[in-house]
Amino acid sequence: MTDTDTAPTPDPDLVNALRALSNPMRLQMLRWLREPERHFPMDRAIADPAEVGVCVSHIQEKSGLAQSTVSAYLAELQRAGLVRATRVGKWTHYKRDERRIADLVTELGRAL
């Protein structure tokens, strides 16, 4: 028997989060969302970024990517549980899920 035969199966949520973070731009978006007041124009915000997050249009503008690409990247982060989406009118805002991120960091520490 080898070590891999007795090793526990990795947590699928952890694997999904690591997959989402493997893309440099998705990782950068998550970094920007850690300090929205530093990285996004607060004077153009239609909602409180601390409460509901940053509008996808501001993330798209900062990244320089197509809106469809930004939406796909943010959807991947959301599926991994790293961000939460909130609708404000016709706009979607994204905010980091700090508790989930902390739980994933703890799980990563246990897994490694």
C-alpha atoms as a PDB file:
ATOM      1  CA  MET A   1       0.000   0.000   0.000  1.00  0.00           C
ATOM      2  CA  THR A   2       1.258   3.506  -0.857  1.00  0.00           C
ATOM      3  CA  ASP A   3       0.783   6.752   1.039  1.00  0.00           C
ATOM      4  CA  THR A   4      -1.801   7.883  -1.499  1.00  0.00           C
ATOM      5  CA  ASP A   5      -3.963   4.846  -0.716  1.00  0.00           C
ATOM      6  CA  THR A   6      -4.426   6.041   2.869  1.00  0.00           C
ATOM      7  CA  ALA A   7      -4.528   9.786   2.233  1.00  0.00           C
ATOM      8  CA  PRO A   8      -7.955  11.371   2.702  1.00  0.00           C
ATOM      9  CA  THR A   9      -9.674  12.702  -0.379  1.00  0.00           C
ATOM     10  CA  PRO A  10      -9.209  16.497  -0.646  1.00  0.00           C
ATOM     11  CA  ASP A  11     -12.235  18.585   0.237  1.00  0.00           C
ATOM     12  CA  PRO A  12     -14.026  19.379  -3.076  1.00  0.00           C
ATOM     13  CA  ASP A  13     -14.759  22.931  -1.874  1.00  0.00           C
ATOM     14  CA  LEU A  14     -11.062  23.508  -1.267  1.00  0.00           C
ATOM     15  CA  VAL A  15     -10.182  22.114  -4.688  1.00  0.00           C
ATOM     16  CA  ASN A  16     -12.775  24.406  -6.342  1.00  0.00           C
ATOM     17  CA  ALA A  17     -11.421  27.433  -4.491  1.00  0.00           C
ATOM     18  CA  LEU A  18      -7.846  26.638  -5.488  1.00  0.00           C
ATOM     19  CA  ARG A  19      -8.960  26.193  -9.086  1.00  0.00           C
ATOM     20  CA  ALA A  20     -10.676  29.598  -9.014  1.00  0.00           C
ATOM     21  CA  LEU A  21      -7.550  31.194  -7.550  1.00  0.00           C
ATOM     22  CA  SER A  22      -5.256  29.604 -10.131  1.00  0.00           C
ATOM     23  CA  ASN A  23      -6.132  32.325 -12.636  1.00  0.00           C
ATOM     24  CA  PRO A  24      -4.008  35.453 -12.030  1.00  0.00           C
ATOM     25  CA  MET A  25      -6.804  37.884 -12.938  1.00  0.00           C
ATOM     26  CA  ARG A  26      -9.357  36.191 -10.673  1.00  0.00           C
ATOM     27  CA  LEU A  27      -6.809  36.355  -7.874  1.00  0.00           C
ATOM     28  CA  GLN A  28      -6.232  40.048  -8.632  1.00  0.00           C
ATOM     29  CA  MET A  29      -9.963  40.763  -8.559  1.00  0.00           C
ATOM     30  CA  LEU A  30     -10.174  39.156  -5.145  1.00  0.00           C
ATOM     31  CA  ARG A  31      -7.279  41.355  -3.978  1.00  0.00           C
ATOM     32  CA  TRP A  32      -8.999  44.488  -5.298  1.00  0.00           C
ATOM     33  CA  LEU A  33     -12.198  43.548  -3.483  1.00  0.00           C
ATOM     34  CA  ARG A  34     -10.300  43.283  -0.189  1.00  0.00           C
ATOM     35  CA  GLU A  35      -9.932  47.100  -0.224  1.00  0.00           C
ATOM     36  CA  PRO A  36     -12.637  48.457  -2.540  1.00  0.00           C
ATOM     37  CA  GLU A  37     -12.259  52.065  -1.361  1.00  0.00           C
ATOM     38  CA  ARG A  38      -8.617  51.963  -2.445  1.00  0.00           C
ATOM     39  CA  HIS A  39      -9.118  50.348  -5.837  1.00  0.00           C
ATOM     40  CA  PHE A  40     -12.462  51.616  -7.147  1.00  0.00           C
ATOM     41  CA  PRO A  41     -14.057  55.057  -7.648  1.00  0.00           C
ATOM     42  CA  MET A  42     -16.269  55.655  -4.618  1.00  0.00           C
ATOM     43  CA  ASP A  43     -17.769  58.819  -6.090  1.00  0.00           C
ATOM     44  CA  ARG A  44     -19.455  56.738  -8.834  1.00  0.00           C
ATOM     45  CA  ALA A  45     -20.700  53.946  -6.571  1.00  0.00           C
ATOM     46  CA  ILE A  46     -24.483  53.537  -6.467  1.00  0.00           C
ATOM     47  CA  ALA A  47     -24.318  51.462  -3.272  1.00  0.00           C
ATOM     48  CA  ASP A  48     -22.046  51.152  -0.263  1.00  0.00           C
ATOM     49  CA  PRO A  49     -19.146  48.876  -1.277  1.00  0.00           C
ATOM     50  CA  ALA A  50     -18.623  47.841   2.348  1.00  0.00           C
ATOM     51  CA  GLU A  51     -22.215  46.619   2.508  1.00  0.00           C
ATOM     52  CA  VAL A  52     -22.997  45.219  -0.958  1.00  0.00           C
ATOM     53  CA  GLY A  53     -19.690  45.208  -2.805  1.00  0.00           C
ATOM     54  CA  VAL A  54     -18.368  46.696  -6.020  1.00  0.00           C
ATOM     55  CA  CYS A  55     -20.370  47.027  -9.223  1.00  0.00           C
ATOM     56  CA  VAL A  56     -19.269  44.630 -11.936  1.00  0.00           C
ATOM     57  CA  SER A  57     -18.920  47.576 -14.333  1.00  0.00           C
ATOM     58  CA  HIS A  58     -16.226  49.108 -12.101  1.00  0.00           C
ATOM     59  CA  ILE A  59     -14.386  45.794 -11.927  1.00  0.00           C
ATOM     60  CA  GLN A  60     -14.617  45.492 -15.700  1.00  0.00           C
ATOM     61  CA  GLU A  61     -13.294  49.015 -16.185  1.00  0.00           C
ATOM     62  CA  LYS A  62     -10.338  48.451 -13.864  1.00  0.00           C
ATOM     63  CA  SER A  63      -9.429  45.081 -15.381  1.00  0.00           C
ATOM     64  CA  GLY A  64      -9.684  46.220 -18.997  1.00  0.00           C
ATOM     65  CA  LEU A  65     -11.308  42.910 -19.897  1.00  0.00           C
ATOM     66  CA  ALA A  66     -14.541  42.328 -21.764  1.00  0.00           C
ATOM     67  CA  GLN A  67     -17.667  42.424 -19.608  1.00  0.00           C
ATOM     68  CA  SER A  68     -18.452  38.790 -20.439  1.00  0.00           C
ATOM     69  CA  THR A  69     -14.985  37.692 -19.292  1.00  0.00           C
ATOM     70  CA  VAL A  70     -15.261  39.636 -16.033  1.00  0.00           C
ATOM     71  CA  SER A  71     -18.710  38.162 -15.390  1.00  0.00           C
ATOM     72  CA  ALA A  72     -17.396  34.645 -16.033  1.00  0.00           C
ATOM     73  CA  TYR A  73     -14.428  35.208 -13.704  1.00  0.00           C
ATOM     74  CA  LEU A  74     -16.644  36.575 -10.935  1.00  0.00           C
ATOM     75  CA  ALA A  75     -19.099  33.698 -11.393  1.00  0.00           C
ATOM     76  CA  GLU A  76     -16.210  31.264 -10.905  1.00  0.00           C
ATOM     77  CA  LEU A  77     -15.188  33.059  -7.701  1.00  0.00           C
ATOM     78  CA  GLN A  78     -18.800  32.961  -6.554  1.00  0.00           C
ATOM     79  CA  ARG A  79     -19.156  29.223  -7.249  1.00  0.00           C
ATOM     80  CA  ALA A  80     -16.002  28.704  -5.181  1.00  0.00           C
ATOM     81  CA  GLY A  81     -17.614  30.652  -2.331  1.00  0.00           C
ATOM     82  CA  LEU A  82     -15.011  33.416  -2.368  1.00  0.00           C
ATOM     83  CA  VAL A  83     -17.389  36.261  -3.274  1.00  0.00           C
ATOM     84  CA  ARG A  84     -21.082  37.005  -2.878  1.00  0.00           C
ATOM     85  CA  ALA A  85     -23.221  38.723  -5.486  1.00  0.00           C
ATOM     86  CA  THR A  86     -25.931  41.282  -4.691  1.00  0.00           C
ATOM     87  CA  ARG A  87     -28.264  42.915  -7.193  1.00  0.00           C
ATOM     88  CA  VAL A  88     -28.792  46.663  -6.870  1.00  0.00           C
ATOM     89  CA  GLY A  89     -31.290  47.675  -9.527  1.00  0.00           C
ATOM     90  CA  LYS A  90     -30.000  46.266 -12.794  1.00  0.00           C
ATOM     91  CA  TRP A  91     -26.397  46.054 -11.561  1.00  0.00           C
ATOM     92  CA  THR A  92     -24.651  43.184  -9.832  1.00  0.00           C
ATOM     93  CA  HIS A  93     -22.200  43.990  -7.055  1.00  0.00           C
ATOM     94  CA  TYR A  94     -19.539  41.622  -5.724  1.00  0.00           C
ATOM     95  CA  LYS A  95     -18.078  41.422  -2.247  1.00  0.00           C
ATOM     96  CA  ARG A  96     -15.542  39.049  -0.723  1.00  0.00           C
ATOM     97  CA  ASP A  97     -16.899  36.425   1.650  1.00  0.00           C
ATOM     98  CA  GLU A  98     -14.312  36.937   4.382  1.00  0.00           C
ATOM     99  CA  ARG A  99     -15.599  34.157   6.612  1.00  0.00           C
ATOM    100  CA  ARG A 100     -15.500  31.618   3.799  1.00  0.00           C
ATOM    101  CA  ILE A 101     -12.011  32.766   2.782  1.00  0.00           C
ATOM    102  CA  ALA A 102     -10.792  32.336   6.379  1.00  0.00           C
ATOM    103  CA  ASP A 103     -12.348  28.861   6.541  1.00  0.00           C
ATOM    104  CA  LEU A 104     -10.632  27.896   3.289  1.00  0.00           C
ATOM    105  CA  VAL A 105      -7.260  29.135   4.549  1.00  0.00           C
ATOM    106  CA  THR A 106      -7.717  26.989   7.664  1.00  0.00           C
ATOM    107  CA  GLU A 107      -8.725  23.979   5.563  1.00  0.00           C
ATOM    108  CA  LEU A 108      -5.700  24.477   3.300  1.00  0.00           C
ATOM    109  CA  GLY A 109      -3.460  24.484   6.347  1.00  0.00           C
ATOM    110  CA  ARG A 110      -4.957  21.183   7.504  1.00  0.00           C
ATOM    111  CA  ALA A 111      -4.752  19.647   4.031  1.00  0.00           C
ATOM    112  CA  LEU A 112      -1.083  20.490   3.588  1.00  0.00           C
END
